[in-house]
């Protein structure tokens, strides 16, 4: 997994969720992070798109099951 992308995502999560009491790994899902719910998820996605200057397709968003999926899609879009 790309640690540079993961580090940037951690900052985004902390800013949006207003806490850093979580550990993001490849297998982290919404169940693992307090406050990561539908409304904050969309804020996180918007911030990720801005940070990496990308836009997710709807099918990409639906296919993401964990943080590892998010990192892999970002890596593909920023190559």
PDB file of N, CA and C in Angstrom:
ATOM      1  N   UNK A   1       0.845  -1.178   0.000  1.00  0.00           N
ATOM      2  CA  UNK A   1       0.000   0.000   0.000  1.00  0.00           C
ATOM      3  C   UNK A   1       0.889   1.239   0.000  1.00  0.00           C
ATOM      4  N   UNK A   2       0.469   2.276  -0.677  1.00  0.00           N
ATOM      5  CA  UNK A   2       1.216   3.525  -0.787  1.00  0.00           C
ATOM      6  C   UNK A   2       1.086   4.318   0.512  1.00  0.00           C
ATOM      7  N   UNK A   3       2.184   4.385   1.282  1.00  0.00           N
ATOM      8  CA  UNK A   3       2.134   5.052   2.587  1.00  0.00           C
ATOM      9  C   UNK A   3       1.973   6.565   2.462  1.00  0.00           C
ATOM     10  N   UNK A   4       2.439   7.157   1.382  1.00  0.00           N
ATOM     11  CA  UNK A   4       2.270   8.597   1.181  1.00  0.00           C
ATOM     12  C   UNK A   4       0.788   8.933   1.030  1.00  0.00           C
ATOM     13  N   UNK A   5       0.082   8.143   0.238  1.00  0.00           N
ATOM     14  CA  UNK A   5      -1.359   8.348   0.063  1.00  0.00           C
ATOM     15  C   UNK A   5      -2.069   8.117   1.387  1.00  0.00           C
ATOM     16  N   UNK A   6      -1.720   7.044   2.083  1.00  0.00           N
ATOM     17  CA  UNK A   6      -2.354   6.738   3.359  1.00  0.00           C
ATOM     18  C   UNK A   6      -2.130   7.860   4.376  1.00  0.00           C
ATOM     19  N   UNK A   7      -0.937   8.422   4.412  1.00  0.00           N
ATOM     20  CA  UNK A   7      -0.645   9.525   5.337  1.00  0.00           C
ATOM     21  C   UNK A   7      -1.530  10.734   5.049  1.00  0.00           C
ATOM     22  N   UNK A   8      -1.710  11.049   3.776  1.00  0.00           N
ATOM     23  CA  UNK A   8      -2.570  12.178   3.404  1.00  0.00           C
ATOM     24  C   UNK A   8      -4.021  11.896   3.761  1.00  0.00           C
ATOM     25  N   UNK A   9      -4.458  10.650   3.566  1.00  0.00           N
ATOM     26  CA  UNK A   9      -5.833  10.270   3.915  1.00  0.00           C
ATOM     27  C   UNK A   9      -6.059  10.385   5.421  1.00  0.00           C
ATOM     28  N   UNK A  10      -5.062   9.999   6.215  1.00  0.00           N
ATOM     29  CA  UNK A  10      -5.178  10.100   7.675  1.00  0.00           C
ATOM     30  C   UNK A  10      -5.436  11.539   8.106  1.00  0.00           C
ATOM     31  N   UNK A  11      -4.727  12.475   7.491  1.00  0.00           N
ATOM     32  CA  UNK A  11      -4.923  13.891   7.806  1.00  0.00           C
ATOM     33  C   UNK A  11      -6.341  14.319   7.450  1.00  0.00           C
ATOM     34  N   UNK A  12      -6.823  13.899   6.300  1.00  0.00           N
ATOM     35  CA  UNK A  12      -8.188  14.229   5.871  1.00  0.00           C
ATOM     36  C   UNK A  12      -9.200  13.667   6.856  1.00  0.00           C
ATOM     37  N   UNK A  13      -9.048  12.405   7.220  1.00  0.00           N
ATOM     38  CA  UNK A  13      -9.958  11.795   8.203  1.00  0.00           C
ATOM     39  C   UNK A  13      -9.955  12.586   9.504  1.00  0.00           C
ATOM     40  N   UNK A  14      -8.775  12.919  10.000  1.00  0.00           N
ATOM     41  CA  UNK A  14      -8.665  13.666  11.261  1.00  0.00           C
ATOM     42  C   UNK A  14      -9.357  15.015  11.171  1.00  0.00           C
ATOM     43  N   UNK A  15      -9.172  15.712  10.066  1.00  0.00           N
ATOM     44  CA  UNK A  15      -9.793  17.023   9.891  1.00  0.00           C
ATOM     45  C   UNK A  15     -11.311  16.924   9.796  1.00  0.00           C
ATOM     46  N   UNK A  16     -11.808  15.991   9.008  1.00  0.00           N
ATOM     47  CA  UNK A  16     -13.254  15.857   8.810  1.00  0.00           C
ATOM     48  C   UNK A  16     -13.933  15.337  10.081  1.00  0.00           C
ATOM     49  N   UNK A  17     -13.341  14.337  10.701  1.00  0.00           N
ATOM     50  CA  UNK A  17     -13.957  13.717  11.877  1.00  0.00           C
ATOM     51  C   UNK A  17     -13.660  14.473  13.168  1.00  0.00           C
ATOM     52  N   UNK A  18     -12.724  15.405  13.082  1.00  0.00           N
ATOM     53  CA  UNK A  18     -12.331  16.241  14.222  1.00  0.00           C
ATOM     54  C   UNK A  18     -11.792  15.420  15.391  1.00  0.00           C
ATOM     55  N   UNK A  19     -11.132  14.318  15.075  1.00  0.00           N
ATOM     56  CA  UNK A  19     -10.391  13.539  16.068  1.00  0.00           C
ATOM     57  C   UNK A  19      -9.423  12.620  15.323  1.00  0.00           C
ATOM     58  N   UNK A  20      -8.448  12.102  16.054  1.00  0.00           N
ATOM     59  CA  UNK A  20      -7.480  11.197  15.430  1.00  0.00           C
ATOM     60  C   UNK A  20      -7.356   9.901  16.235  1.00  0.00           C
ATOM     61  N   UNK A  21      -8.436   9.550  16.890  1.00  0.00           N
ATOM     62  CA  UNK A  21      -8.465   8.351  17.712  1.00  0.00           C
ATOM     63  C   UNK A  21      -8.834   7.127  16.873  1.00  0.00           C
ATOM     64  N   UNK A  22      -7.999   6.843  15.866  1.00  0.00           N
ATOM     65  CA  UNK A  22      -8.227   5.703  14.986  1.00  0.00           C
ATOM     66  C   UNK A  22      -6.908   5.316  14.332  1.00  0.00           C
ATOM     67  N   UNK A  23      -6.860   4.114  13.831  1.00  0.00           N
ATOM     68  CA  UNK A  23      -5.702   3.618  13.106  1.00  0.00           C
ATOM     69  C   UNK A  23      -6.166   3.176  11.727  1.00  0.00           C
ATOM     70  N   UNK A  24      -5.739   3.884  10.704  1.00  0.00           N
ATOM     71  CA  UNK A  24      -6.135   3.513   9.348  1.00  0.00           C
ATOM     72  C   UNK A  24      -5.158   2.497   8.795  1.00  0.00           C
ATOM     73  N   UNK A  25      -5.697   1.366   8.381  1.00  0.00           N
ATOM     74  CA  UNK A  25      -4.925   0.333   7.710  1.00  0.00           C
ATOM     75  C   UNK A  25      -5.666  -0.045   6.441  1.00  0.00           C
ATOM     76  N   UNK A  26      -5.085  -0.938   5.688  1.00  0.00           N
ATOM     77  CA  UNK A  26      -5.710  -1.380   4.443  1.00  0.00           C
ATOM     78  C   UNK A  26      -7.097  -1.976   4.682  1.00  0.00           C
ATOM     79  N   UNK A  27      -7.292  -2.614   5.819  1.00  0.00           N
ATOM     80  CA  UNK A  27      -8.562  -3.293   6.092  1.00  0.00           C
ATOM     81  C   UNK A  27      -9.562  -2.456   6.893  1.00  0.00           C
ATOM     82  N   UNK A  28      -9.225  -1.211   7.223  1.00  0.00           N
ATOM     83  CA  UNK A  28     -10.127  -0.359   8.000  1.00  0.00           C
ATOM     84  C   UNK A  28     -11.410  -0.076   7.225  1.00  0.00           C
ATOM     85  N   UNK A  29     -12.556  -0.211   7.908  1.00  0.00           N
ATOM     86  CA  UNK A  29     -13.861   0.091   7.317  1.00  0.00           C
ATOM     87  C   UNK A  29     -14.576   1.112   8.198  1.00  0.00           C
ATOM     88  N   UNK A  30     -15.755   1.518   7.767  1.00  0.00           N
ATOM     89  CA  UNK A  30     -16.532   2.499   8.534  1.00  0.00           C
ATOM     90  C   UNK A  30     -16.839   2.016   9.944  1.00  0.00           C
ATOM     91  N   UNK A  31     -16.958   0.717  10.131  1.00  0.00           N
ATOM     92  CA  UNK A  31     -17.250   0.170  11.461  1.00  0.00           C
ATOM     93  C   UNK A  31     -16.104   0.388  12.442  1.00  0.00           C
ATOM     94  N   UNK A  32     -14.897   0.617  11.916  1.00  0.00           N
ATOM     95  CA  UNK A  32     -13.706   0.714  12.758  1.00  0.00           C
ATOM     96  C   UNK A  32     -13.382   2.129  13.226  1.00  0.00           C
ATOM     97  N   UNK A  33     -14.059   3.136  12.685  1.00  0.00           N
ATOM     98  CA  UNK A  33     -13.709   4.525  12.985  1.00  0.00           C
ATOM     99  C   UNK A  33     -14.933   5.268  13.501  1.00  0.00           C
ATOM    100  N   UNK A  34     -14.846   5.747  14.733  1.00  0.00           N
ATOM    101  CA  UNK A  34     -15.934   6.492  15.355  1.00  0.00           C
ATOM    102  C   UNK A  34     -16.217   7.771  14.561  1.00  0.00           C
ATOM    103  N   UNK A  35     -17.472   7.951  14.154  1.00  0.00           N
ATOM    104  CA  UNK A  35     -17.874   9.152  13.431  1.00  0.00           C
ATOM    105  C   UNK A  35     -17.843   9.026  11.918  1.00  0.00           C
ATOM    106  N   UNK A  36     -17.309   7.905  11.407  1.00  0.00           N
ATOM    107  CA  UNK A  36     -17.274   7.706   9.948  1.00  0.00           C
ATOM    108  C   UNK A  36     -18.608   7.108   9.547  1.00  0.00           C
ATOM    109  N   UNK A  37     -19.499   7.972   9.117  1.00  0.00           N
ATOM    110  CA  UNK A  37     -20.845   7.561   8.721  1.00  0.00           C
ATOM    111  C   UNK A  37     -21.153   8.190   7.372  1.00  0.00           C
ATOM    112  N   UNK A  38     -22.377   8.064   6.909  1.00  0.00           N
ATOM    113  CA  UNK A  38     -22.695   8.489   5.542  1.00  0.00           C
ATOM    114  C   UNK A  38     -22.390   9.966   5.276  1.00  0.00           C
ATOM    115  N   UNK A  39     -22.753  10.842   6.188  1.00  0.00           N
ATOM    116  CA  UNK A  39     -22.520  12.272   5.952  1.00  0.00           C
ATOM    117  C   UNK A  39     -21.030  12.619   5.969  1.00  0.00           C
ATOM    118  N   UNK A  40     -20.292  12.066   6.917  1.00  0.00           N
ATOM    119  CA  UNK A  40     -18.857  12.359   6.962  1.00  0.00           C
ATOM    120  C   UNK A  40     -18.116  11.627   5.843  1.00  0.00           C
ATOM    121  N   UNK A  41     -18.637  10.505   5.398  1.00  0.00           N
ATOM    122  CA  UNK A  41     -18.015   9.779   4.288  1.00  0.00           C
ATOM    123  C   UNK A  41     -17.974  10.664   3.043  1.00  0.00           C
ATOM    124  N   UNK A  42     -19.073  11.318   2.751  1.00  0.00           N
ATOM    125  CA  UNK A  42     -19.104  12.181   1.571  1.00  0.00           C
ATOM    126  C   UNK A  42     -18.147  13.372   1.727  1.00  0.00           C
ATOM    127  N   UNK A  43     -18.022  13.881   2.942  1.00  0.00           N
ATOM    128  CA  UNK A  43     -17.062  14.963   3.186  1.00  0.00           C
ATOM    129  C   UNK A  43     -15.630  14.463   2.983  1.00  0.00           C
ATOM    130  N   UNK A  44     -15.352  13.253   3.464  1.00  0.00           N
ATOM    131  CA  UNK A  44     -14.020  12.664   3.280  1.00  0.00           C
ATOM    132  C   UNK A  44     -13.720  12.484   1.796  1.00  0.00           C
ATOM    133  N   UNK A  45     -14.669  11.940   1.055  1.00  0.00           N
ATOM    134  CA  UNK A  45     -14.480  11.723  -0.385  1.00  0.00           C
ATOM    135  C   UNK A  45     -14.225  13.046  -1.102  1.00  0.00           C
ATOM    136  N   UNK A  46     -14.988  14.069  -0.761  1.00  0.00           N
ATOM    137  CA  UNK A  46     -14.800  15.388  -1.383  1.00  0.00           C
ATOM    138  C   UNK A  46     -13.410  15.933  -1.091  1.00  0.00           C
ATOM    139  N   UNK A  47     -12.964  15.809   0.143  1.00  0.00           N
ATOM    140  CA  UNK A  47     -11.629  16.286   0.516  1.00  0.00           C
ATOM    141  C   UNK A  47     -10.535  15.476  -0.173  1.00  0.00           C
ATOM    142  N   UNK A  48     -10.733  14.173  -0.305  1.00  0.00           N
ATOM    143  CA  UNK A  48      -9.760  13.328  -1.010  1.00  0.00           C
ATOM    144  C   UNK A  48      -9.671  13.757  -2.472  1.00  0.00           C
ATOM    145  N   UNK A  49     -10.805  13.982  -3.103  1.00  0.00           N
ATOM    146  CA  UNK A  49     -10.808  14.424  -4.501  1.00  0.00           C
ATOM    147  C   UNK A  49     -10.050  15.748  -4.650  1.00  0.00           C
ATOM    148  N   UNK A  50     -10.255  16.658  -3.719  1.00  0.00           N
ATOM    149  CA  UNK A  50      -9.574  17.952  -3.761  1.00  0.00           C
ATOM    150  C   UNK A  50      -8.072  17.784  -3.536  1.00  0.00           C
ATOM    151  N   UNK A  51      -7.706  17.028  -2.510  1.00  0.00           N
ATOM    152  CA  UNK A  51      -6.291  16.828  -2.169  1.00  0.00           C
ATOM    153  C   UNK A  51      -5.500  16.203  -3.321  1.00  0.00           C
ATOM    154  N   UNK A  52      -6.091  15.215  -3.980  1.00  0.00           N
ATOM    155  CA  UNK A  52      -5.382  14.483  -5.022  1.00  0.00           C
ATOM    156  C   UNK A  52      -5.737  14.945  -6.432  1.00  0.00           C
ATOM    157  N   UNK A  53      -6.599  15.964  -6.538  1.00  0.00           N
ATOM    158  CA  UNK A  53      -7.025  16.519  -7.820  1.00  0.00           C
ATOM    159  C   UNK A  53      -7.556  15.416  -8.747  1.00  0.00           C
ATOM    160  N   UNK A  54      -8.520  14.654  -8.201  1.00  0.00           N
ATOM    161  CA  UNK A  54      -9.147  13.561  -8.948  1.00  0.00           C
ATOM    162  C   UNK A  54     -10.659  13.636  -8.759  1.00  0.00           C
ATOM    163  N   UNK A  55     -11.370  12.864  -9.558  1.00  0.00           N
ATOM    164  CA  UNK A  55     -12.812  12.696  -9.379  1.00  0.00           C
ATOM    165  C   UNK A  55     -13.115  11.208  -9.446  1.00  0.00           C
ATOM    166  N   UNK A  56     -13.868  10.732  -8.462  1.00  0.00           N
ATOM    167  CA  UNK A  56     -14.265   9.331  -8.446  1.00  0.00           C
ATOM    168  C   UNK A  56     -15.500   9.126  -9.304  1.00  0.00           C
ATOM    169  N   UNK A  57     -15.543   7.999  -9.999  1.00  0.00           N
ATOM    170  CA  UNK A  57     -16.737   7.578 -10.711  1.00  0.00           C
ATOM    171  C   UNK A  57     -17.657   6.901  -9.703  1.00  0.00           C
ATOM    172  N   UNK A  58     -18.952   6.919  -9.969  1.00  0.00           N
ATOM    173  CA  UNK A  58     -19.912   6.316  -9.056  1.00  0.00           C
ATOM    174  C   UNK A  58     -19.608   4.839  -8.802  1.00  0.00           C
ATOM    175  N   UNK A  59     -19.256   4.117  -9.850  1.00  0.00           N
ATOM    176  CA  UNK A  59     -18.954   2.688  -9.661  1.00  0.00           C
ATOM    177  C   UNK A  59     -17.715   2.473  -8.796  1.00  0.00           C
ATOM    178  N   UNK A  60     -16.766   3.395  -8.847  1.00  0.00           N
ATOM    179  CA  UNK A  60     -15.589   3.307  -7.977  1.00  0.00           C
ATOM    180  C   UNK A  60     -15.997   3.497  -6.513  1.00  0.00           C
ATOM    181  N   UNK A  61     -16.872   4.465  -6.283  1.00  0.00           N
ATOM    182  CA  UNK A  61     -17.334   4.712  -4.916  1.00  0.00           C
ATOM    183  C   UNK A  61     -18.071   3.502  -4.354  1.00  0.00           C
ATOM    184  N   UNK A  62     -18.913   2.889  -5.173  1.00  0.00           N
ATOM    185  CA  UNK A  62     -19.668   1.708  -4.731  1.00  0.00           C
ATOM    186  C   UNK A  62     -18.761   0.515  -4.489  1.00  0.00           C
ATOM    187  N   UNK A  63     -17.664   0.438  -5.219  1.00  0.00           N
ATOM    188  CA  UNK A  63     -16.787  -0.731  -5.096  1.00  0.00           C
ATOM    189  C   UNK A  63     -15.859  -0.668  -3.889  1.00  0.00           C
ATOM    190  N   UNK A  64     -15.702   0.500  -3.285  1.00  0.00           N
ATOM    191  CA  UNK A  64     -14.800   0.646  -2.139  1.00  0.00           C
ATOM    192  C   UNK A  64     -15.395  -0.019  -0.897  1.00  0.00           C
ATOM    193  N   UNK A  65     -14.651  -0.979  -0.367  1.00  0.00           N
ATOM    194  CA  UNK A  65     -15.101  -1.691   0.832  1.00  0.00           C
ATOM    195  C   UNK A  65     -14.272  -1.351   2.063  1.00  0.00           C
ATOM    196  N   UNK A  66     -13.078  -0.764   1.839  1.00  0.00           N
ATOM    197  CA  UNK A  66     -12.193  -0.438   2.949  1.00  0.00           C
ATOM    198  C   UNK A  66     -11.188   0.628   2.505  1.00  0.00           C
ATOM    199  N   UNK A  67     -10.329   1.037   3.416  1.00  0.00           N
ATOM    200  CA  UNK A  67      -9.345   2.077   3.120  1.00  0.00           C
ATOM    201  C   UNK A  67      -8.360   1.611   2.042  1.00  0.00           C
ATOM    202  N   UNK A  68      -8.033   0.330   2.036  1.00  0.00           N
ATOM    203  CA  UNK A  68      -7.133  -0.185   1.008  1.00  0.00           C
ATOM    204  C   UNK A  68      -7.679   0.025  -0.394  1.00  0.00           C
ATOM    205  N   UNK A  69      -8.983  -0.185  -0.567  1.00  0.00           N
ATOM    206  CA  UNK A  69      -9.612   0.065  -1.870  1.00  0.00           C
ATOM    207  C   UNK A  69      -9.486   1.535  -2.253  1.00  0.00           C
ATOM    208  N   UNK A  70      -9.704   2.409  -1.297  1.00  0.00           N
ATOM    209  CA  UNK A  70      -9.591   3.851  -1.542  1.00  0.00           C
ATOM    210  C   UNK A  70      -8.173   4.206  -1.980  1.00  0.00           C
ATOM    211  N   UNK A  71      -7.183   3.698  -1.268  1.00  0.00           N
ATOM    212  CA  UNK A  71      -5.782   3.984  -1.603  1.00  0.00           C
ATOM    213  C   UNK A  71      -5.448   3.455  -2.998  1.00  0.00           C
ATOM    214  N   UNK A  72      -5.882   2.248  -3.316  1.00  0.00           N
ATOM    215  CA  UNK A  72      -5.583   1.669  -4.635  1.00  0.00           C
ATOM    216  C   UNK A  72      -6.200   2.497  -5.769  1.00  0.00           C
ATOM    217  N   UNK A  73      -7.415   2.950  -5.588  1.00  0.00           N
ATOM    218  CA  UNK A  73      -8.075   3.754  -6.631  1.00  0.00           C
ATOM    219  C   UNK A  73      -7.374   5.105  -6.784  1.00  0.00           C
ATOM    220  N   UNK A  74      -6.997   5.724  -5.668  1.00  0.00           N
ATOM    221  CA  UNK A  74      -6.250   6.987  -5.739  1.00  0.00           C
ATOM    222  C   UNK A  74      -4.934   6.763  -6.475  1.00  0.00           C
ATOM    223  N   UNK A  75      -4.221   5.703  -6.144  1.00  0.00           N
ATOM    224  CA  UNK A  75      -2.943   5.418  -6.790  1.00  0.00           C
ATOM    225  C   UNK A  75      -3.111   5.260  -8.301  1.00  0.00           C
ATOM    226  N   UNK A  76      -4.152   4.554  -8.724  1.00  0.00           N
ATOM    227  CA  UNK A  76      -4.409   4.378 -10.150  1.00  0.00           C
ATOM    228  C   UNK A  76      -4.711   5.708 -10.838  1.00  0.00           C
ATOM    229  N   UNK A  77      -5.471   6.558 -10.168  1.00  0.00           N
ATOM    230  CA  UNK A  77      -5.879   7.823 -10.773  1.00  0.00           C
ATOM    231  C   UNK A  77      -4.763   8.876 -10.778  1.00  0.00           C
ATOM    232  N   UNK A  78      -3.740   8.683  -9.955  1.00  0.00           N
ATOM    233  CA  UNK A  78      -2.678   9.696  -9.856  1.00  0.00           C
ATOM    234  C   UNK A  78      -1.370   9.242 -10.493  1.00  0.00           C
ATOM    235  N   UNK A  79      -1.380   8.133 -11.205  1.00  0.00           N
ATOM    236  CA  UNK A  79      -0.156   7.659 -11.871  1.00  0.00           C
ATOM    237  C   UNK A  79       0.206   8.524 -13.029  1.00  0.00           C
TER     238      UNK A  79
END
